[in-house]
C-alpha atoms as a PDB file:
ATOM      1  CA  UNK A   1      -0.123  -0.228  -0.011  1.00  0.00           C
ATOM      2  CA  UNK A   2       0.741   3.285  -0.465  1.00  0.00           C
ATOM      3  CA  UNK A   3      -0.337   6.906   0.085  1.00  0.00           C
ATOM      4  CA  UNK A   4       0.066   9.804  -1.825  1.00  0.00           C
ATOM      5  CA  UNK A   5       0.746  13.354  -1.222  1.00  0.00           C
ATOM      6  CA  UNK A   6       0.682  16.129  -3.833  1.00  0.00           C
ATOM      7  CA  UNK A   7       1.527  19.749  -4.053  1.00  0.00           C
ATOM      8  CA  UNK A   8      -0.115  22.184  -6.190  1.00  0.00           C
ATOM      9  CA  UNK A   9       0.659  25.504  -7.613  1.00  0.00           C
ATOM     10  CA  UNK A  10      -1.317  28.356  -8.909  1.00  0.00           C
ATOM     11  CA  UNK A  11      -1.129  28.603 -12.550  1.00  0.00           C
ATOM     12  CA  UNK A  12      -3.996  31.475 -12.929  1.00  0.00           C
ATOM     13  CA  UNK A  13      -6.076  33.301 -10.227  1.00  0.00           C
ATOM     14  CA  UNK A  14      -8.942  30.481 -10.224  1.00  0.00           C
ATOM     15  CA  UNK A  15      -6.482  27.049 -11.349  1.00  0.00           C
ATOM     16  CA  UNK A  16      -3.996  25.330 -10.093  1.00  0.00           C
ATOM     17  CA  UNK A  17      -1.771  22.370 -11.206  1.00  0.00           C
ATOM     18  CA  UNK A  18      -0.049  19.396  -9.691  1.00  0.00           C
ATOM     19  CA  UNK A  19       3.685  19.850  -9.857  1.00  0.00           C
ATOM     20  CA  UNK A  20       5.084  17.014  -6.949  1.00  0.00           C
ATOM     21  CA  UNK A  21       3.855  13.805  -5.893  1.00  0.00           C
ATOM     22  CA  UNK A  22       5.259  11.901  -2.935  1.00  0.00           C
ATOM     23  CA  UNK A  23       4.410   8.387  -2.065  1.00  0.00           C
ATOM     24  CA  UNK A  24       4.860   6.957   1.110  1.00  0.00           C
ATOM     25  CA  UNK A  25       4.868   2.973   1.833  1.00  0.00           C
ATOM     26  CA  UNK A  26       2.842   1.751   4.263  1.00  0.00           C
ATOM     27  CA  UNK A  27       5.984  -0.004   5.897  1.00  0.00           C
ATOM     28  CA  UNK A  28       3.418  -0.898   9.276  1.00  0.00           C
ATOM     29  CA  UNK A  29       1.509  -2.941   6.837  1.00  0.00           C
ATOM     30  CA  UNK A  30       4.267  -4.712   4.898  1.00  0.00           C
ATOM     31  CA  UNK A  31       5.579  -5.707   8.068  1.00  0.00           C
ATOM     32  CA  UNK A  32       2.863  -7.529   9.360  1.00  0.00           C
ATOM     33  CA  UNK A  33       2.360  -9.064   5.885  1.00  0.00           C
ATOM     34  CA  UNK A  34       5.771 -10.859   6.174  1.00  0.00           C
ATOM     35  CA  UNK A  35       5.116 -11.817   9.980  1.00  0.00           C
ATOM     36  CA  UNK A  36       6.904  -9.435  11.948  1.00  0.00           C
ATOM     37  CA  UNK A  37       3.754  -6.925  13.342  1.00  0.00           C
ATOM     38  CA  UNK A  38       4.864  -2.997  14.597  1.00  0.00           C
ATOM     39  CA  UNK A  39       1.446  -2.616  15.739  1.00  0.00           C
ATOM     40  CA  UNK A  40      -1.178  -4.407  17.931  1.00  0.00           C
ATOM     41  CA  UNK A  41      -3.511  -6.317  16.618  1.00  0.00           C
ATOM     42  CA  UNK A  42      -6.675  -4.626  15.132  1.00  0.00           C
ATOM     43  CA  UNK A  43     -10.149  -4.940  16.029  1.00  0.00           C
ATOM     44  CA  UNK A  44     -11.452  -4.971  12.764  1.00  0.00           C
ATOM     45  CA  UNK A  45     -10.033  -7.591   9.416  1.00  0.00           C
ATOM     46  CA  UNK A  46      -6.414  -6.260   8.483  1.00  0.00           C
ATOM     47  CA  UNK A  47      -5.043  -6.335   5.323  1.00  0.00           C
ATOM     48  CA  UNK A  48      -8.180  -5.218   3.177  1.00  0.00           C
ATOM     49  CA  UNK A  49      -7.159  -3.101   0.222  1.00  0.00           C
ATOM     50  CA  UNK A  50      -9.556  -2.010  -2.569  1.00  0.00           C
ATOM     51  CA  UNK A  51      -7.532  -1.769  -5.876  1.00  0.00           C
ATOM     52  CA  UNK A  52      -8.709   0.078  -8.832  1.00  0.00           C
ATOM     53  CA  UNK A  53     -11.138  -2.322  -9.644  1.00  0.00           C
ATOM     54  CA  UNK A  54     -12.959  -1.152  -6.801  1.00  0.00           C
ATOM     55  CA  UNK A  55     -12.809   2.760  -7.784  1.00  0.00           C
ATOM     56  CA  UNK A  56     -13.214   4.461 -10.833  1.00  0.00           C
ATOM     57  CA  UNK A  57      -9.449   4.156 -12.107  1.00  0.00           C
ATOM     58  CA  UNK A  58      -8.259   7.750 -11.427  1.00  0.00           C
ATOM     59  CA  UNK A  59      -5.431   7.412  -8.953  1.00  0.00           C
ATOM     60  CA  UNK A  60      -5.636  10.984  -7.907  1.00  0.00           C
ATOM     61  CA  UNK A  61      -7.610  14.176  -8.950  1.00  0.00           C
ATOM     62  CA  UNK A  62      -7.256  14.895 -12.343  1.00  0.00           C
ATOM     63  CA  UNK A  63      -8.525  18.657 -13.558  1.00  0.00           C
ATOM     64  CA  UNK A  64     -10.128  16.775 -16.373  1.00  0.00           C
ATOM     65  CA  UNK A  65     -12.602  14.902 -14.021  1.00  0.00           C
ATOM     66  CA  UNK A  66     -12.446  16.695 -11.042  1.00  0.00           C
ATOM     67  CA  UNK A  67     -14.970  19.348 -10.478  1.00  0.00           C
ATOM     68  CA  UNK A  68     -14.886  22.348  -8.777  1.00  0.00           C
ATOM     69  CA  UNK A  69     -17.870  21.625  -6.323  1.00  0.00           C
ATOM     70  CA  UNK A  70     -16.821  18.553  -5.697  1.00  0.00           C
ATOM     71  CA  UNK A  71     -13.163  19.682  -4.145  1.00  0.00           C
ATOM     72  CA  UNK A  72     -15.242  22.478  -2.069  1.00  0.00           C
ATOM     73  CA  UNK A  73     -17.444  19.889  -0.648  1.00  0.00           C
ATOM     74  CA  UNK A  74     -14.423  17.904   0.486  1.00  0.00           C
ATOM     75  CA  UNK A  75     -12.505  20.506   1.988  1.00  0.00           C
ATOM     76  CA  UNK A  76     -15.470  21.329   4.141  1.00  0.00           C
ATOM     77  CA  UNK A  77     -16.044  17.775   5.218  1.00  0.00           C
ATOM     78  CA  UNK A  78     -12.242  17.353   5.811  1.00  0.00           C
ATOM     79  CA  UNK A  79     -11.880  20.396   7.883  1.00  0.00           C
ATOM     80  CA  UNK A  80     -15.155  19.541   9.869  1.00  0.00           C
ATOM     81  CA  UNK A  81     -13.460  16.060  10.712  1.00  0.00           C
ATOM     82  CA  UNK A  82     -10.051  17.942  11.718  1.00  0.00           C
ATOM     83  CA  UNK A  83     -12.272  19.784  14.275  1.00  0.00           C
ATOM     84  CA  UNK A  84     -14.012  16.945  15.827  1.00  0.00           C
END
């Protein structure tokens, strides 16, 4: 498993473009898979990873498929979750 982090820069007053992608490997899951767990056993099933077949096949937000209102809604939900 990997986690992607992106950086974007403003290209116009109303648009941006991704210019950096950092991928972080889930070493805790990797070590669990090879029999060397570094975290306590989870209460829920471990190892469930939904592949691109379970998604729409787009690995990251692309400007051609992402809508501005979706971005605003996602930001609102994310900020609310951080406040909890």
